[in-house]
Amino acid sequence: EIKCPGLGSRFLEEAERCLFTIVEYPESSPVLQGDIRRQLMRSFPYGLLYTIKPDFIRLLAVMNLCRHPLYWIGRN
């Protein structure tokens, strides 16, 4: 049963917008811990966790902000 048609597409569009922001302005997101940064999604309670490496950006997690907020600690 679909409760909200198009929600998945809107989620992917917002995730892509966040990824574009991360790629264009990698240092604009706040640091959570060590070198891990978080870019928040506007319309969903999620954040993208990432680190900046010399030659690339590593996406660590798509974090649900309502559940287990520290589950990502230890990822690198």
N, C-alpha and C. Protein backbone atom coordinates (compact mmCIF):
# COMPACT_ATOMS: atom_id res chain seq x y z
N GLU A 1 0.85 -1.18 0.00
CA GLU A 1 0.00 0.00 0.00
C GLU A 1 0.89 1.25 0.00
N ILE A 2 0.66 2.14 -0.92
CA ILE A 2 1.41 3.39 -1.00
C ILE A 2 0.63 4.46 -0.24
N LYS A 3 1.27 5.01 0.79
CA LYS A 3 0.60 6.02 1.60
C LYS A 3 0.87 7.44 1.12
N CYS A 4 2.00 7.62 0.46
CA CYS A 4 2.34 8.96 -0.02
C CYS A 4 3.05 8.82 -1.37
N PRO A 5 2.31 8.80 -2.45
CA PRO A 5 2.92 8.63 -3.77
C PRO A 5 4.01 9.68 -4.03
N GLY A 6 5.12 9.21 -4.56
CA GLY A 6 6.20 10.13 -4.91
C GLY A 6 7.18 10.42 -3.79
N LEU A 7 6.93 9.91 -2.60
CA LEU A 7 7.81 10.21 -1.46
C LEU A 7 9.22 9.70 -1.69
N GLY A 8 9.35 8.49 -2.25
CA GLY A 8 10.67 7.95 -2.52
C GLY A 8 11.45 8.79 -3.51
N SER A 9 10.77 9.26 -4.53
CA SER A 9 11.42 10.13 -5.52
C SER A 9 11.86 11.44 -4.90
N ARG A 10 11.02 12.00 -4.03
CA ARG A 10 11.39 13.25 -3.36
C ARG A 10 12.59 13.03 -2.43
N PHE A 11 12.63 11.87 -1.77
CA PHE A 11 13.77 11.56 -0.90
C PHE A 11 15.06 11.50 -1.72
N LEU A 12 15.02 10.79 -2.86
CA LEU A 12 16.20 10.70 -3.71
C LEU A 12 16.63 12.05 -4.25
N GLU A 13 15.68 12.88 -4.64
CA GLU A 13 16.01 14.23 -5.12
C GLU A 13 16.69 15.04 -4.03
N GLU A 14 16.20 14.94 -2.81
CA GLU A 14 16.80 15.68 -1.70
C GLU A 14 18.19 15.13 -1.38
N ALA A 15 18.35 13.82 -1.44
CA ALA A 15 19.67 13.22 -1.22
C ALA A 15 20.66 13.70 -2.28
N GLU A 16 20.22 13.75 -3.53
CA GLU A 16 21.08 14.25 -4.61
C GLU A 16 21.44 15.72 -4.40
N ARG A 17 20.48 16.53 -3.93
CA ARG A 17 20.77 17.93 -3.65
C ARG A 17 21.86 18.03 -2.58
N CYS A 18 21.74 17.21 -1.55
CA CYS A 18 22.73 17.22 -0.47
C CYS A 18 24.10 16.78 -0.99
N LEU A 19 24.13 15.75 -1.82
CA LEU A 19 25.39 15.30 -2.39
C LEU A 19 26.03 16.37 -3.25
N PHE A 20 25.23 17.08 -4.03
CA PHE A 20 25.75 18.18 -4.83
C PHE A 20 26.38 19.25 -3.93
N THR A 21 25.69 19.59 -2.84
CA THR A 21 26.23 20.59 -1.91
C THR A 21 27.54 20.11 -1.30
N ILE A 22 27.60 18.84 -0.92
CA ILE A 22 28.83 18.29 -0.34
C ILE A 22 29.98 18.37 -1.34
N VAL A 23 29.73 18.00 -2.58
CA VAL A 23 30.78 18.01 -3.60
C VAL A 23 31.24 19.44 -3.90
N GLU A 24 30.29 20.36 -4.02
CA GLU A 24 30.64 21.75 -4.35
C GLU A 24 31.25 22.51 -3.17
N TYR A 25 30.77 22.24 -1.96
CA TYR A 25 31.21 22.98 -0.76
C TYR A 25 31.48 21.99 0.38
N PRO A 26 32.49 21.16 0.25
CA PRO A 26 32.70 20.08 1.22
C PRO A 26 32.95 20.55 2.65
N GLU A 27 33.50 21.72 2.82
CA GLU A 27 33.81 22.19 4.18
C GLU A 27 32.70 23.05 4.78
N SER A 28 31.56 23.16 4.10
CA SER A 28 30.48 24.02 4.60
C SER A 28 29.64 23.35 5.68
N SER A 29 29.66 22.04 5.76
CA SER A 29 28.86 21.33 6.78
C SER A 29 29.64 21.27 8.09
N PRO A 30 28.92 21.29 9.21
CA PRO A 30 29.60 21.26 10.50
C PRO A 30 30.24 19.91 10.79
N VAL A 31 31.32 19.95 11.55
CA VAL A 31 32.01 18.75 12.00
C VAL A 31 31.27 18.19 13.20
N LEU A 32 30.98 16.89 13.15
CA LEU A 32 30.33 16.24 14.29
C LEU A 32 31.34 15.71 15.28
N GLN A 33 32.33 15.01 14.74
CA GLN A 33 33.35 14.40 15.59
C GLN A 33 34.58 14.11 14.72
N GLY A 34 35.75 14.44 15.21
CA GLY A 34 36.96 14.21 14.43
C GLY A 34 36.88 14.92 13.10
N ASP A 35 36.91 14.16 12.01
CA ASP A 35 36.81 14.76 10.67
C ASP A 35 35.49 14.42 9.99
N ILE A 36 34.52 13.93 10.75
CA ILE A 36 33.22 13.55 10.19
C ILE A 36 32.29 14.75 10.19
N ARG A 37 31.73 15.02 9.03
CA ARG A 37 30.81 16.15 8.84
C ARG A 37 29.40 15.63 8.53
N ARG A 38 28.40 16.49 8.76
CA ARG A 38 27.01 16.10 8.48
C ARG A 38 26.30 17.18 7.69
N GLN A 39 25.73 16.76 6.55
CA GLN A 39 24.89 17.62 5.73
C GLN A 39 23.45 17.20 5.97
N LEU A 40 22.63 18.11 6.46
CA LEU A 40 21.23 17.79 6.76
C LEU A 40 20.36 17.87 5.52
N MET A 41 19.39 16.97 5.46
CA MET A 41 18.38 17.02 4.41
C MET A 41 17.30 17.99 4.86
N ARG A 42 16.74 18.75 3.95
CA ARG A 42 15.76 19.78 4.30
C ARG A 42 14.40 19.20 4.68
N SER A 43 13.89 18.29 3.88
CA SER A 43 12.51 17.84 4.02
C SER A 43 12.35 16.50 4.73
N PHE A 44 13.45 15.92 5.15
CA PHE A 44 13.42 14.60 5.78
C PHE A 44 14.33 14.62 7.01
N PRO A 45 14.02 13.79 8.01
CA PRO A 45 14.86 13.76 9.22
C PRO A 45 16.09 12.88 9.03
N TYR A 46 16.90 13.22 8.04
CA TYR A 46 18.11 12.46 7.73
C TYR A 46 19.27 13.42 7.53
N GLY A 47 20.45 12.89 7.72
CA GLY A 47 21.66 13.62 7.43
C GLY A 47 22.65 12.72 6.72
N LEU A 48 23.50 13.29 5.88
CA LEU A 48 24.54 12.53 5.20
C LEU A 48 25.85 12.78 5.93
N LEU A 49 26.46 11.70 6.40
CA LEU A 49 27.73 11.78 7.11
C LEU A 49 28.85 11.49 6.13
N TYR A 50 29.90 12.30 6.18
CA TYR A 50 30.99 12.13 5.23
C TYR A 50 32.30 12.66 5.80
N THR A 51 33.38 12.24 5.18
CA THR A 51 34.70 12.76 5.50
C THR A 51 35.33 13.26 4.20
N ILE A 52 36.22 14.22 4.34
CA ILE A 52 36.93 14.78 3.19
C ILE A 52 38.32 14.15 3.17
N LYS A 53 38.62 13.47 2.08
CA LYS A 53 39.93 12.85 1.88
C LYS A 53 40.70 13.69 0.85
N PRO A 54 42.01 13.50 0.73
CA PRO A 54 42.77 14.32 -0.22
C PRO A 54 42.26 14.27 -1.65
N ASP A 55 41.81 13.10 -2.11
CA ASP A 55 41.42 12.96 -3.52
C ASP A 55 39.94 12.67 -3.72
N PHE A 56 39.18 12.55 -2.64
CA PHE A 56 37.77 12.20 -2.78
C PHE A 56 37.02 12.51 -1.49
N ILE A 57 35.71 12.39 -1.57
CA ILE A 57 34.85 12.54 -0.39
C ILE A 57 34.25 11.16 -0.12
N ARG A 58 34.33 10.71 1.12
CA ARG A 58 33.79 9.40 1.48
C ARG A 58 32.47 9.58 2.21
N LEU A 59 31.41 9.05 1.63
CA LEU A 59 30.10 9.05 2.28
C LEU A 59 30.07 7.88 3.24
N LEU A 60 29.82 8.16 4.53
CA LEU A 60 29.84 7.13 5.55
C LEU A 60 28.46 6.55 5.83
N ALA A 61 27.44 7.41 5.82
CA ALA A 61 26.11 6.93 6.19
C ALA A 61 25.05 7.93 5.78
N VAL A 62 23.86 7.42 5.57
CA VAL A 62 22.66 8.24 5.49
C VAL A 62 21.98 8.01 6.83
N MET A 63 22.07 8.99 7.69
CA MET A 63 21.72 8.85 9.10
C MET A 63 20.28 9.29 9.37
N ASN A 64 19.49 8.40 9.96
CA ASN A 64 18.15 8.74 10.41
C ASN A 64 18.32 9.49 11.73
N LEU A 65 17.91 10.74 11.77
CA LEU A 65 18.15 11.58 12.95
C LEU A 65 17.23 11.24 14.12
N CYS A 66 16.24 10.37 13.88
CA CYS A 66 15.30 10.01 14.95
C CYS A 66 15.66 8.69 15.62
N ARG A 67 16.66 7.98 15.14
CA ARG A 67 17.01 6.67 15.68
C ARG A 67 18.49 6.56 15.96
N HIS A 68 18.85 5.92 17.01
CA HIS A 68 20.23 5.57 17.34
C HIS A 68 21.24 6.60 16.84
N PRO A 69 21.26 7.76 17.43
CA PRO A 69 22.07 8.85 16.87
C PRO A 69 23.58 8.60 16.84
N LEU A 70 24.08 7.64 17.58
CA LEU A 70 25.53 7.42 17.61
C LEU A 70 25.95 6.12 16.94
N TYR A 71 25.07 5.48 16.17
CA TYR A 71 25.40 4.19 15.57
C TYR A 71 26.57 4.28 14.60
N TRP A 72 26.82 5.42 14.05
CA TRP A 72 27.83 5.60 13.02
C TRP A 72 29.24 5.74 13.58
N ILE A 73 29.36 5.95 14.89
CA ILE A 73 30.69 6.15 15.48
C ILE A 73 31.52 4.88 15.24
N GLY A 74 32.71 5.08 14.78
CA GLY A 74 33.60 3.97 14.46
C GLY A 74 33.73 3.74 12.97
N ARG A 75 32.87 4.37 12.18
CA ARG A 75 33.01 4.24 10.73
C ARG A 75 34.10 5.17 10.26
N ASN A 76 34.81 4.74 9.26
CA ASN A 76 35.82 5.60 8.66
C ASN A 76 35.98 5.23 7.22
